[in-house]
N, C-alpha and C. Protein backbone atom coordinates (compact mmCIF):
# COMPACT_ATOMS: atom_id res chain seq x y z
N MET A 1 7.81 60.05 12.43
CA MET A 1 8.07 61.22 11.58
C MET A 1 8.43 60.75 10.18
N PRO A 2 7.73 61.24 9.16
CA PRO A 2 8.01 60.78 7.79
C PRO A 2 9.39 61.22 7.31
N ILE A 3 9.99 60.40 6.46
CA ILE A 3 11.29 60.72 5.88
C ILE A 3 11.10 61.69 4.71
N ALA A 4 11.90 62.73 4.68
CA ALA A 4 11.84 63.68 3.57
C ALA A 4 12.38 63.02 2.31
N ILE A 5 11.54 62.95 1.27
CA ILE A 5 11.95 62.33 0.02
C ILE A 5 12.44 63.42 -0.93
N ALA A 6 13.74 63.44 -1.14
CA ALA A 6 14.34 64.46 -2.01
C ALA A 6 15.67 63.94 -2.54
N PRO A 7 16.02 64.25 -3.77
CA PRO A 7 17.31 63.84 -4.31
C PRO A 7 18.44 64.59 -3.62
N PRO A 8 19.66 64.11 -3.73
CA PRO A 8 20.80 64.81 -3.11
C PRO A 8 20.96 66.21 -3.66
N GLN A 9 21.42 67.12 -2.80
CA GLN A 9 21.56 68.52 -3.17
C GLN A 9 23.01 68.99 -3.22
N THR A 10 23.93 68.21 -2.66
CA THR A 10 25.32 68.68 -2.55
C THR A 10 26.30 67.60 -2.99
N ASP A 11 27.52 68.03 -3.29
CA ASP A 11 28.61 67.11 -3.63
C ASP A 11 28.92 66.19 -2.46
N VAL A 12 28.85 66.72 -1.24
CA VAL A 12 29.16 65.92 -0.06
C VAL A 12 28.19 64.75 0.08
N GLU A 13 26.93 64.98 -0.20
CA GLU A 13 25.95 63.89 -0.11
C GLU A 13 26.28 62.77 -1.09
N ILE A 14 26.73 63.11 -2.29
CA ILE A 14 27.10 62.09 -3.28
C ILE A 14 28.31 61.30 -2.78
N CYS A 15 29.32 62.00 -2.30
CA CYS A 15 30.53 61.33 -1.79
C CYS A 15 30.20 60.45 -0.60
N SER A 16 29.34 60.94 0.29
CA SER A 16 28.97 60.18 1.48
C SER A 16 28.22 58.90 1.10
N ALA A 17 27.30 59.00 0.15
CA ALA A 17 26.54 57.83 -0.27
C ALA A 17 27.45 56.79 -0.92
N ALA A 18 28.42 57.24 -1.73
CA ALA A 18 29.35 56.31 -2.37
C ALA A 18 30.21 55.61 -1.33
N CYS A 19 30.67 56.35 -0.32
CA CYS A 19 31.47 55.74 0.74
C CYS A 19 30.66 54.73 1.53
N SER A 20 29.38 55.02 1.74
CA SER A 20 28.52 54.07 2.45
C SER A 20 28.38 52.76 1.69
N LEU A 21 28.34 52.83 0.37
CA LEU A 21 28.20 51.63 -0.44
C LEU A 21 29.39 50.69 -0.31
N VAL A 22 30.57 51.25 -0.02
CA VAL A 22 31.76 50.39 0.12
C VAL A 22 32.06 50.08 1.58
N GLY A 23 31.09 50.36 2.47
CA GLY A 23 31.23 49.95 3.86
C GLY A 23 31.80 50.98 4.80
N LYS A 24 31.96 52.22 4.36
CA LYS A 24 32.47 53.28 5.22
C LYS A 24 31.31 54.04 5.84
N SER A 25 31.60 54.77 6.91
CA SER A 25 30.57 55.56 7.58
C SER A 25 30.19 56.77 6.73
N SER A 26 28.92 57.18 6.83
CA SER A 26 28.49 58.38 6.14
C SER A 26 28.98 59.61 6.88
N PHE A 27 28.91 60.78 6.26
CA PHE A 27 29.43 62.01 6.88
C PHE A 27 28.69 63.21 6.32
N ASN A 28 28.76 64.31 7.04
CA ASN A 28 28.10 65.55 6.63
C ASN A 28 29.08 66.56 6.04
N THR A 29 30.37 66.37 6.31
CA THR A 29 31.41 67.20 5.72
C THR A 29 32.57 66.30 5.31
N ILE A 30 33.33 66.73 4.33
CA ILE A 30 34.47 65.94 3.88
C ILE A 30 35.47 65.78 5.01
N GLU A 31 35.68 66.83 5.79
CA GLU A 31 36.64 66.78 6.91
C GLU A 31 36.22 65.72 7.94
N ALA A 32 34.92 65.64 8.19
CA ALA A 32 34.43 64.66 9.17
C ALA A 32 34.59 63.24 8.67
N GLY A 33 34.65 63.07 7.37
CA GLY A 33 34.79 61.73 6.82
C GLY A 33 36.21 61.20 6.83
N GLY A 34 37.18 62.07 7.14
CA GLY A 34 38.56 61.63 7.25
C GLY A 34 39.26 61.45 5.91
N PRO A 35 40.43 60.79 5.93
CA PRO A 35 41.24 60.63 4.71
C PRO A 35 40.51 59.94 3.56
N PHE A 36 39.68 58.94 3.88
CA PHE A 36 38.97 58.23 2.81
C PHE A 36 37.99 59.16 2.10
N ALA A 37 37.30 60.00 2.86
CA ALA A 37 36.37 60.96 2.26
C ALA A 37 37.12 61.97 1.41
N ARG A 38 38.29 62.38 1.85
CA ARG A 38 39.07 63.34 1.06
C ARG A 38 39.51 62.71 -0.26
N ASP A 39 39.92 61.45 -0.20
CA ASP A 39 40.29 60.75 -1.44
C ASP A 39 39.08 60.63 -2.36
N ALA A 40 37.92 60.33 -1.77
CA ALA A 40 36.69 60.20 -2.56
C ALA A 40 36.36 61.52 -3.26
N SER A 41 36.54 62.63 -2.56
CA SER A 41 36.21 63.93 -3.15
C SER A 41 37.13 64.27 -4.32
N ILE A 42 38.38 63.79 -4.25
CA ILE A 42 39.32 64.02 -5.36
C ILE A 42 38.88 63.24 -6.60
N PHE A 43 38.56 61.97 -6.42
CA PHE A 43 38.06 61.16 -7.54
C PHE A 43 36.76 61.73 -8.08
N TYR A 44 35.91 62.19 -7.16
CA TYR A 44 34.57 62.66 -7.53
C TYR A 44 34.61 63.81 -8.55
N GLY A 45 35.44 64.81 -8.29
CA GLY A 45 35.51 65.96 -9.19
C GLY A 45 35.91 65.56 -10.60
N THR A 46 36.90 64.68 -10.70
CA THR A 46 37.35 64.23 -12.01
C THR A 46 36.29 63.37 -12.68
N LEU A 47 35.65 62.51 -11.90
CA LEU A 47 34.62 61.63 -12.44
C LEU A 47 33.46 62.42 -13.05
N VAL A 48 32.95 63.39 -12.31
CA VAL A 48 31.80 64.17 -12.78
C VAL A 48 32.16 64.99 -14.02
N SER A 49 33.32 65.65 -13.99
CA SER A 49 33.74 66.45 -15.14
C SER A 49 33.93 65.57 -16.38
N ALA A 50 34.51 64.38 -16.17
CA ALA A 50 34.72 63.47 -17.30
C ALA A 50 33.39 62.97 -17.86
N GLU A 51 32.44 62.65 -16.99
CA GLU A 51 31.15 62.15 -17.46
C GLU A 51 30.35 63.22 -18.18
N LEU A 52 30.26 64.41 -17.59
CA LEU A 52 29.50 65.48 -18.22
C LEU A 52 30.19 66.01 -19.47
N GLY A 53 31.50 65.81 -19.57
CA GLY A 53 32.25 66.29 -20.71
C GLY A 53 32.46 65.27 -21.81
N SER A 54 31.90 64.07 -21.65
CA SER A 54 32.09 63.05 -22.68
C SER A 54 30.78 62.41 -23.12
N ASN A 55 29.67 62.96 -22.63
CA ASN A 55 28.35 62.47 -23.01
C ASN A 55 27.43 63.65 -23.22
N ARG A 56 26.43 63.48 -24.05
CA ARG A 56 25.53 64.59 -24.36
C ARG A 56 24.33 64.57 -23.42
N TRP A 57 24.58 64.76 -22.11
CA TRP A 57 23.50 64.81 -21.14
C TRP A 57 22.72 66.11 -21.34
N ARG A 58 21.44 66.01 -21.60
CA ARG A 58 20.65 67.19 -21.96
C ARG A 58 20.55 68.20 -20.82
N PHE A 59 20.51 67.72 -19.58
CA PHE A 59 20.39 68.65 -18.46
C PHE A 59 21.65 69.49 -18.25
N ALA A 60 22.75 69.09 -18.88
CA ALA A 60 24.01 69.81 -18.71
C ALA A 60 24.38 70.67 -19.92
N LEU A 61 23.46 70.81 -20.87
CA LEU A 61 23.73 71.61 -22.06
C LEU A 61 23.48 73.09 -21.81
N LYS A 62 24.20 73.92 -22.54
CA LYS A 62 24.06 75.37 -22.40
C LYS A 62 24.24 76.04 -23.76
N GLU A 63 23.50 77.12 -23.97
CA GLU A 63 23.65 77.93 -25.18
C GLU A 63 24.47 79.18 -24.86
N ASP A 64 25.29 79.59 -25.81
CA ASP A 64 26.04 80.84 -25.68
C ASP A 64 25.93 81.60 -27.00
N PRO A 65 25.52 82.86 -26.98
CA PRO A 65 25.32 83.61 -28.23
C PRO A 65 26.59 83.99 -28.97
N MET A 66 27.77 83.66 -28.45
CA MET A 66 29.04 83.94 -29.11
C MET A 66 29.16 85.41 -29.50
N ALA A 67 28.96 86.27 -28.51
CA ALA A 67 28.88 87.71 -28.77
C ALA A 67 30.21 88.30 -29.24
N ILE A 68 31.33 87.80 -28.68
CA ILE A 68 32.64 88.39 -29.00
C ILE A 68 33.44 87.41 -29.86
N ILE A 69 33.57 87.70 -31.15
CA ILE A 69 34.37 86.91 -32.07
C ILE A 69 35.48 87.81 -32.61
N THR A 70 36.71 87.34 -32.48
CA THR A 70 37.88 88.17 -32.77
C THR A 70 38.58 87.72 -34.04
N THR A 71 39.14 88.68 -34.77
CA THR A 71 39.90 88.38 -35.98
C THR A 71 41.29 87.86 -35.62
N LEU A 72 41.70 86.76 -36.23
CA LEU A 72 43.03 86.21 -35.99
C LEU A 72 44.10 87.10 -36.61
N VAL A 73 45.18 87.32 -35.90
CA VAL A 73 46.31 88.09 -36.45
C VAL A 73 46.92 87.32 -37.60
N THR A 74 47.09 86.02 -37.40
CA THR A 74 47.59 85.13 -38.45
C THR A 74 46.61 83.99 -38.63
N GLN A 75 46.15 83.78 -39.85
CA GLN A 75 45.18 82.72 -40.09
C GLN A 75 45.77 81.35 -39.76
N VAL A 76 44.92 80.47 -39.22
CA VAL A 76 45.30 79.10 -38.87
C VAL A 76 44.44 78.14 -39.68
N ASP A 77 45.07 77.31 -40.50
CA ASP A 77 44.34 76.34 -41.34
C ASP A 77 43.24 77.00 -42.16
N GLY A 78 43.46 78.24 -42.56
CA GLY A 78 42.49 78.93 -43.39
C GLY A 78 41.38 79.63 -42.64
N TYR A 79 41.38 79.55 -41.30
CA TYR A 79 40.35 80.21 -40.50
C TYR A 79 40.73 81.67 -40.23
N GLN A 80 39.72 82.54 -40.24
CA GLN A 80 39.95 83.98 -40.10
C GLN A 80 39.65 84.53 -38.71
N TYR A 81 38.76 83.84 -37.97
CA TYR A 81 38.31 84.37 -36.68
C TYR A 81 38.43 83.31 -35.59
N TYR A 82 38.28 83.76 -34.33
CA TYR A 82 38.23 82.82 -33.22
C TYR A 82 37.29 83.31 -32.14
N TRP A 83 36.80 82.36 -31.38
CA TRP A 83 35.93 82.62 -30.23
C TRP A 83 36.51 81.91 -29.03
N GLU A 84 36.66 82.63 -27.93
CA GLU A 84 37.21 82.03 -26.71
C GLU A 84 36.18 81.09 -26.08
N LEU A 85 36.59 79.87 -25.79
CA LEU A 85 35.70 78.93 -25.13
C LEU A 85 35.38 79.43 -23.72
N PRO A 86 34.13 79.33 -23.28
CA PRO A 86 33.78 79.76 -21.92
C PRO A 86 34.50 78.90 -20.88
N ALA A 87 34.70 79.46 -19.70
CA ALA A 87 35.41 78.75 -18.64
C ALA A 87 34.68 77.49 -18.20
N ASP A 88 33.35 77.46 -18.32
CA ASP A 88 32.59 76.31 -17.86
C ASP A 88 32.36 75.27 -18.96
N CYS A 89 32.96 75.46 -20.13
CA CYS A 89 32.76 74.52 -21.24
C CYS A 89 33.60 73.26 -21.04
N LEU A 90 32.94 72.11 -21.05
CA LEU A 90 33.64 70.83 -20.97
C LEU A 90 33.81 70.19 -22.34
N MET A 91 32.82 70.39 -23.21
CA MET A 91 32.91 69.85 -24.58
C MET A 91 31.97 70.64 -25.48
N LEU A 92 32.51 71.17 -26.55
CA LEU A 92 31.69 71.90 -27.52
C LEU A 92 31.01 70.89 -28.43
N LEU A 93 29.69 71.01 -28.57
CA LEU A 93 28.94 70.05 -29.38
C LEU A 93 28.69 70.55 -30.79
N LYS A 94 28.16 71.76 -30.90
CA LYS A 94 27.86 72.28 -32.23
C LYS A 94 27.70 73.79 -32.19
N ILE A 95 27.74 74.38 -33.38
CA ILE A 95 27.51 75.81 -33.54
C ILE A 95 26.37 75.98 -34.52
N ILE A 96 25.35 76.73 -34.11
CA ILE A 96 24.16 76.93 -34.92
C ILE A 96 24.19 78.31 -35.55
N GLN A 97 23.87 78.37 -36.82
CA GLN A 97 23.70 79.66 -37.50
C GLN A 97 22.29 80.15 -37.22
N ASN A 98 22.18 81.30 -36.58
CA ASN A 98 20.89 81.77 -36.10
C ASN A 98 19.87 82.04 -37.19
N ASN A 99 20.33 82.35 -38.39
CA ASN A 99 19.40 82.67 -39.47
C ASN A 99 19.04 81.46 -40.33
N THR A 100 19.47 80.28 -39.91
CA THR A 100 19.12 79.05 -40.61
C THR A 100 18.67 78.01 -39.60
N ARG A 101 18.22 76.88 -40.06
CA ARG A 101 17.75 75.82 -39.18
C ARG A 101 18.84 74.77 -38.93
N GLY A 102 19.97 74.91 -39.61
CA GLY A 102 21.00 73.89 -39.51
C GLY A 102 22.20 74.31 -38.69
N SER A 103 23.09 73.36 -38.49
CA SER A 103 24.33 73.61 -37.76
C SER A 103 25.41 74.04 -38.73
N MET A 104 26.37 74.80 -38.21
CA MET A 104 27.51 75.22 -39.02
C MET A 104 28.60 74.16 -38.90
N ASN A 105 29.16 73.75 -40.02
CA ASN A 105 30.15 72.68 -40.02
C ASN A 105 31.59 73.19 -40.13
N ASP A 106 31.76 74.47 -40.44
CA ASP A 106 33.10 75.00 -40.67
C ASP A 106 33.66 75.65 -39.41
N TRP A 107 34.12 74.81 -38.46
CA TRP A 107 34.75 75.31 -37.24
C TRP A 107 35.68 74.23 -36.69
N GLN A 108 36.56 74.65 -35.79
CA GLN A 108 37.54 73.71 -35.23
C GLN A 108 38.00 74.21 -33.87
N VAL A 109 38.00 73.31 -32.88
CA VAL A 109 38.53 73.66 -31.55
C VAL A 109 40.04 73.63 -31.62
N PHE A 110 40.65 74.71 -31.14
CA PHE A 110 42.11 74.84 -31.18
C PHE A 110 42.54 75.39 -29.81
N GLY A 111 42.95 74.49 -28.92
CA GLY A 111 43.29 74.91 -27.56
C GLY A 111 42.05 75.41 -26.83
N ASP A 112 42.11 76.65 -26.32
CA ASP A 112 40.96 77.23 -25.63
C ASP A 112 40.17 78.16 -26.55
N ARG A 113 40.33 77.97 -27.86
CA ARG A 113 39.61 78.77 -28.83
C ARG A 113 38.85 77.88 -29.81
N VAL A 114 37.86 78.50 -30.45
CA VAL A 114 37.17 77.85 -31.57
C VAL A 114 37.47 78.69 -32.81
N LEU A 115 38.07 78.07 -33.82
CA LEU A 115 38.39 78.78 -35.06
C LEU A 115 37.18 78.77 -35.98
N LEU A 116 36.93 79.92 -36.62
CA LEU A 116 35.73 80.11 -37.43
C LEU A 116 36.03 80.86 -38.73
N ASN A 117 35.08 80.81 -39.65
CA ASN A 117 35.16 81.63 -40.86
C ASN A 117 33.94 82.53 -41.00
N ALA A 118 33.12 82.57 -39.96
CA ALA A 118 31.96 83.46 -39.93
C ALA A 118 32.02 84.25 -38.63
N LYS A 119 31.53 85.48 -38.67
CA LYS A 119 31.75 86.38 -37.53
C LYS A 119 30.49 86.75 -36.77
N GLN A 120 29.31 86.39 -37.23
CA GLN A 120 28.11 86.83 -36.53
C GLN A 120 26.96 85.85 -36.72
N ASN A 121 25.90 86.09 -35.91
CA ASN A 121 24.67 85.28 -35.96
C ASN A 121 24.93 83.80 -35.71
N GLN A 122 25.67 83.52 -34.63
CA GLN A 122 25.97 82.14 -34.30
C GLN A 122 25.72 81.88 -32.81
N THR A 123 25.36 80.65 -32.51
CA THR A 123 25.14 80.23 -31.13
C THR A 123 25.85 78.92 -30.89
N ALA A 124 26.61 78.85 -29.80
CA ALA A 124 27.33 77.62 -29.45
C ALA A 124 26.51 76.80 -28.47
N ILE A 125 26.53 75.49 -28.65
CA ILE A 125 25.90 74.55 -27.72
C ILE A 125 27.02 73.69 -27.13
N TYR A 126 27.11 73.69 -25.80
CA TYR A 126 28.20 72.91 -25.20
C TYR A 126 27.77 72.27 -23.87
N CYS A 127 28.58 71.30 -23.44
CA CYS A 127 28.36 70.62 -22.15
C CYS A 127 29.12 71.36 -21.06
N ARG A 128 28.54 71.39 -19.87
CA ARG A 128 29.16 72.12 -18.76
C ARG A 128 28.90 71.37 -17.45
N ASN A 129 29.64 71.73 -16.44
CA ASN A 129 29.36 71.22 -15.10
C ASN A 129 28.13 71.92 -14.54
N VAL A 130 27.26 71.18 -13.91
CA VAL A 130 26.09 71.75 -13.25
C VAL A 130 26.05 71.24 -11.81
N PRO A 131 25.51 72.02 -10.88
CA PRO A 131 25.47 71.59 -9.48
C PRO A 131 24.59 70.36 -9.27
N VAL A 132 24.87 69.63 -8.22
CA VAL A 132 24.13 68.41 -7.90
C VAL A 132 22.64 68.67 -7.81
N SER A 133 22.26 69.82 -7.30
CA SER A 133 20.84 70.15 -7.14
C SER A 133 20.09 70.19 -8.47
N LYS A 134 20.81 70.27 -9.59
CA LYS A 134 20.20 70.30 -10.91
C LYS A 134 20.24 68.94 -11.60
N TRP A 135 20.81 67.94 -10.94
CA TRP A 135 20.89 66.61 -11.55
C TRP A 135 19.55 65.89 -11.45
N PRO A 136 19.16 65.14 -12.46
CA PRO A 136 18.04 64.20 -12.30
C PRO A 136 18.44 63.11 -11.31
N ALA A 137 17.48 62.60 -10.56
CA ALA A 137 17.77 61.59 -9.54
C ALA A 137 18.47 60.35 -10.10
N PRO A 138 18.07 59.81 -11.27
CA PRO A 138 18.78 58.63 -11.79
C PRO A 138 20.25 58.91 -12.08
N PHE A 139 20.56 60.12 -12.55
CA PHE A 139 21.95 60.46 -12.82
C PHE A 139 22.74 60.55 -11.52
N ALA A 140 22.11 61.09 -10.47
CA ALA A 140 22.78 61.18 -9.17
C ALA A 140 23.15 59.78 -8.66
N LEU A 141 22.23 58.83 -8.78
CA LEU A 141 22.53 57.47 -8.33
C LEU A 141 23.58 56.81 -9.22
N TYR A 142 23.57 57.12 -10.48
CA TYR A 142 24.61 56.61 -11.39
C TYR A 142 25.99 57.08 -10.93
N ILE A 143 26.12 58.36 -10.59
CA ILE A 143 27.41 58.89 -10.15
C ILE A 143 27.79 58.28 -8.80
N VAL A 144 26.82 58.07 -7.91
CA VAL A 144 27.10 57.41 -6.61
C VAL A 144 27.73 56.05 -6.85
N PHE A 145 27.14 55.25 -7.73
CA PHE A 145 27.66 53.91 -7.98
C PHE A 145 28.98 53.95 -8.76
N ALA A 146 29.12 54.93 -9.65
CA ALA A 146 30.38 55.06 -10.39
C ALA A 146 31.53 55.40 -9.45
N LEU A 147 31.27 56.29 -8.50
CA LEU A 147 32.30 56.65 -7.52
C LEU A 147 32.59 55.47 -6.60
N ALA A 148 31.54 54.77 -6.17
CA ALA A 148 31.73 53.59 -5.32
C ALA A 148 32.55 52.53 -6.04
N ASP A 149 32.33 52.38 -7.33
CA ASP A 149 33.07 51.40 -8.12
C ASP A 149 34.56 51.74 -8.13
N MET A 150 34.89 53.02 -8.24
CA MET A 150 36.29 53.44 -8.21
C MET A 150 36.90 53.21 -6.83
N LEU A 151 36.14 53.52 -5.79
CA LEU A 151 36.66 53.40 -4.43
C LEU A 151 36.78 51.95 -3.96
N SER A 152 35.94 51.08 -4.51
CA SER A 152 35.91 49.70 -4.03
C SER A 152 37.23 48.98 -4.26
N LEU A 153 37.99 49.41 -5.25
CA LEU A 153 39.26 48.76 -5.54
C LEU A 153 40.25 48.87 -4.39
N SER A 154 40.10 49.92 -3.58
CA SER A 154 41.07 50.15 -2.52
C SER A 154 40.62 49.67 -1.14
N VAL A 155 39.36 49.21 -1.02
CA VAL A 155 38.86 48.87 0.33
C VAL A 155 38.39 47.43 0.47
N THR A 156 38.33 46.68 -0.62
CA THR A 156 37.82 45.32 -0.50
C THR A 156 38.55 44.36 -1.42
N ASN A 157 38.64 43.11 -0.98
CA ASN A 157 39.14 42.03 -1.81
C ASN A 157 37.99 41.12 -2.23
N SER A 158 36.78 41.53 -1.93
CA SER A 158 35.61 40.72 -2.21
C SER A 158 35.13 40.94 -3.64
N ASP A 159 35.28 39.93 -4.47
CA ASP A 159 34.78 40.03 -5.84
C ASP A 159 33.27 40.16 -5.87
N ARG A 160 32.62 39.58 -4.84
CA ARG A 160 31.16 39.64 -4.78
C ARG A 160 30.68 41.07 -4.57
N MET A 161 31.35 41.80 -3.65
CA MET A 161 30.96 43.19 -3.41
C MET A 161 31.20 44.04 -4.65
N VAL A 162 32.34 43.86 -5.27
CA VAL A 162 32.66 44.63 -6.48
C VAL A 162 31.64 44.35 -7.57
N ALA A 163 31.26 43.08 -7.72
CA ALA A 163 30.29 42.70 -8.75
C ALA A 163 28.92 43.33 -8.48
N ARG A 164 28.52 43.40 -7.22
CA ARG A 164 27.22 43.98 -6.88
C ARG A 164 27.21 45.49 -7.16
N ILE A 165 28.33 46.14 -6.84
CA ILE A 165 28.43 47.58 -7.13
C ILE A 165 28.41 47.82 -8.63
N GLN A 166 29.13 46.99 -9.39
CA GLN A 166 29.15 47.15 -10.84
C GLN A 166 27.78 46.87 -11.45
N SER A 167 27.04 45.95 -10.87
CA SER A 167 25.68 45.67 -11.34
C SER A 167 24.78 46.89 -11.13
N GLY A 168 24.89 47.51 -9.94
CA GLY A 168 24.13 48.72 -9.67
C GLY A 168 24.56 49.86 -10.58
N LEU A 169 25.85 49.94 -10.88
CA LEU A 169 26.36 50.97 -11.78
C LEU A 169 25.74 50.83 -13.16
N GLN A 170 25.70 49.62 -13.69
CA GLN A 170 25.12 49.40 -15.02
C GLN A 170 23.63 49.71 -15.03
N GLU A 171 22.92 49.32 -13.96
CA GLU A 171 21.49 49.56 -13.90
C GLU A 171 21.17 51.06 -13.89
N TRP A 172 21.88 51.81 -13.04
CA TRP A 172 21.56 53.23 -12.93
C TRP A 172 22.10 54.05 -14.09
N HIS A 173 23.14 53.55 -14.74
CA HIS A 173 23.59 54.20 -15.97
C HIS A 173 22.50 54.09 -17.03
N ALA A 174 21.94 52.89 -17.17
CA ALA A 174 20.87 52.67 -18.15
C ALA A 174 19.65 53.53 -17.82
N ARG A 175 19.30 53.60 -16.54
CA ARG A 175 18.13 54.39 -16.15
C ARG A 175 18.37 55.89 -16.39
N ALA A 176 19.58 56.34 -16.12
CA ALA A 176 19.90 57.75 -16.34
C ALA A 176 19.83 58.10 -17.82
N LEU A 177 20.35 57.21 -18.66
CA LEU A 177 20.29 57.44 -20.11
C LEU A 177 18.84 57.45 -20.59
N PHE A 178 18.03 56.53 -20.07
CA PHE A 178 16.63 56.48 -20.47
C PHE A 178 15.90 57.76 -20.07
N ALA A 179 16.10 58.18 -18.81
CA ALA A 179 15.43 59.39 -18.33
C ALA A 179 15.87 60.61 -19.13
N ASP A 180 17.15 60.68 -19.45
CA ASP A 180 17.66 61.82 -20.22
C ASP A 180 17.10 61.82 -21.64
N GLY A 181 16.89 60.63 -22.19
CA GLY A 181 16.37 60.52 -23.54
C GLY A 181 14.92 60.92 -23.68
N GLN A 182 14.19 60.98 -22.56
CA GLN A 182 12.78 61.37 -22.62
C GLN A 182 12.59 62.87 -22.74
N ASN A 183 13.68 63.63 -22.70
CA ASN A 183 13.59 65.09 -22.76
C ASN A 183 13.55 65.62 -24.18
N SER A 184 13.25 64.75 -25.12
CA SER A 184 13.17 65.16 -26.53
C SER A 184 12.11 64.32 -27.22
N PRO A 185 11.30 64.89 -28.11
CA PRO A 185 10.29 64.10 -28.82
C PRO A 185 10.94 63.12 -29.79
N VAL A 186 10.20 62.07 -30.10
CA VAL A 186 10.69 61.08 -31.07
C VAL A 186 10.70 61.71 -32.46
N ARG A 187 11.83 61.57 -33.16
CA ARG A 187 11.97 62.13 -34.50
C ARG A 187 12.27 61.03 -35.51
N ALA A 188 11.76 61.20 -36.70
CA ALA A 188 12.06 60.24 -37.76
C ALA A 188 13.53 60.32 -38.15
N MET A 189 14.10 59.20 -38.58
CA MET A 189 15.50 59.18 -39.00
C MET A 189 15.67 60.03 -40.25
N ARG A 190 16.67 60.92 -40.25
CA ARG A 190 16.93 61.76 -41.40
C ARG A 190 17.78 61.06 -42.45
N SER A 191 18.64 60.19 -41.99
CA SER A 191 19.53 59.47 -42.91
C SER A 191 19.35 57.98 -42.67
N ARG A 192 19.06 57.22 -43.74
CA ARG A 192 18.83 55.78 -43.62
C ARG A 192 19.62 55.03 -44.69
N PRO A 193 20.94 55.12 -44.64
CA PRO A 193 21.75 54.52 -45.72
C PRO A 193 21.55 53.02 -45.87
N TRP A 194 21.42 52.29 -44.75
CA TRP A 194 21.29 50.83 -44.86
C TRP A 194 19.96 50.46 -45.50
N ILE A 195 18.89 51.17 -45.11
CA ILE A 195 17.58 50.89 -45.69
C ILE A 195 17.55 51.27 -47.16
N ASN A 196 18.16 52.41 -47.50
CA ASN A 196 18.17 52.86 -48.90
C ASN A 196 18.91 51.87 -49.80
N VAL A 197 20.04 51.37 -49.32
CA VAL A 197 20.81 50.39 -50.11
C VAL A 197 20.00 49.11 -50.31
N ARG A 198 19.32 48.69 -49.25
CA ARG A 198 18.51 47.47 -49.34
C ARG A 198 17.38 47.64 -50.36
N ASN A 199 16.69 48.80 -50.30
CA ASN A 199 15.61 49.04 -51.25
C ASN A 199 16.12 49.11 -52.69
N ALA A 200 17.29 49.73 -52.87
CA ALA A 200 17.88 49.82 -54.21
C ALA A 200 18.21 48.44 -54.76
N PHE A 201 18.68 47.54 -53.89
CA PHE A 201 19.02 46.18 -54.29
C PHE A 201 17.78 45.44 -54.75
N ILE A 202 16.67 45.60 -54.00
CA ILE A 202 15.41 44.93 -54.38
C ILE A 202 14.85 45.49 -55.68
N THR A 203 14.94 46.83 -55.85
CA THR A 203 14.44 47.48 -57.06
C THR A 203 15.13 46.96 -58.32
N ARG A 204 16.43 46.64 -58.18
CA ARG A 204 17.19 46.15 -59.34
C ARG A 204 16.97 44.66 -59.59
N GLY A 205 16.09 44.05 -58.79
CA GLY A 205 15.79 42.65 -59.01
C GLY A 205 16.64 41.71 -58.17
N GLY A 206 17.40 42.23 -57.22
CA GLY A 206 18.23 41.41 -56.37
C GLY A 206 17.41 40.67 -55.34
N GLY A 207 17.92 39.58 -54.86
CA GLY A 207 17.28 38.84 -53.79
C GLY A 207 16.05 38.07 -54.20
N ARG A 208 15.86 37.88 -55.50
CA ARG A 208 14.67 37.13 -55.99
C ARG A 208 15.10 35.84 -56.67
């Protein structure tokens, strides 16, 4: 019977695979995996939220039209309005002005709000948690090895095992970044300060 080839679909599958890498038995539910699986699930939630909230993974980006913008009762640092951050927002990346092609630079995150000086025609781009079923396969393996790396500290004294897990972690991190980077066309550099300075130096007769 052929093996079904499919990426993991659930959080439990990720935790089970990570536990298998450090020599523990696999499981279908966290309860069946016992105390070690429960500990793994605790690390897992923090790990995934931290990773998706500290990197610009394209598959985890979301747009929000910023429909409700409220006037501040008292201005803060010169800002007049605020927008409540969505509950699923892990990191706000930028705010786009809908009637222009550029990003708006006049905003500031303040607690669970974003302070603004404009009240309409804006869209927020932010990172969020997404279910495992929406992860690219290389990212799923990266998280498996990242979780295994965290768990290995408590189950082994073997430097060789830890080194092999860390090697796999680095490999799948690189592959995940590469795969994520293919989701955008190649663009010319907009700012080239080092090249411009070099050309200016040559134009003035330098380096001859």
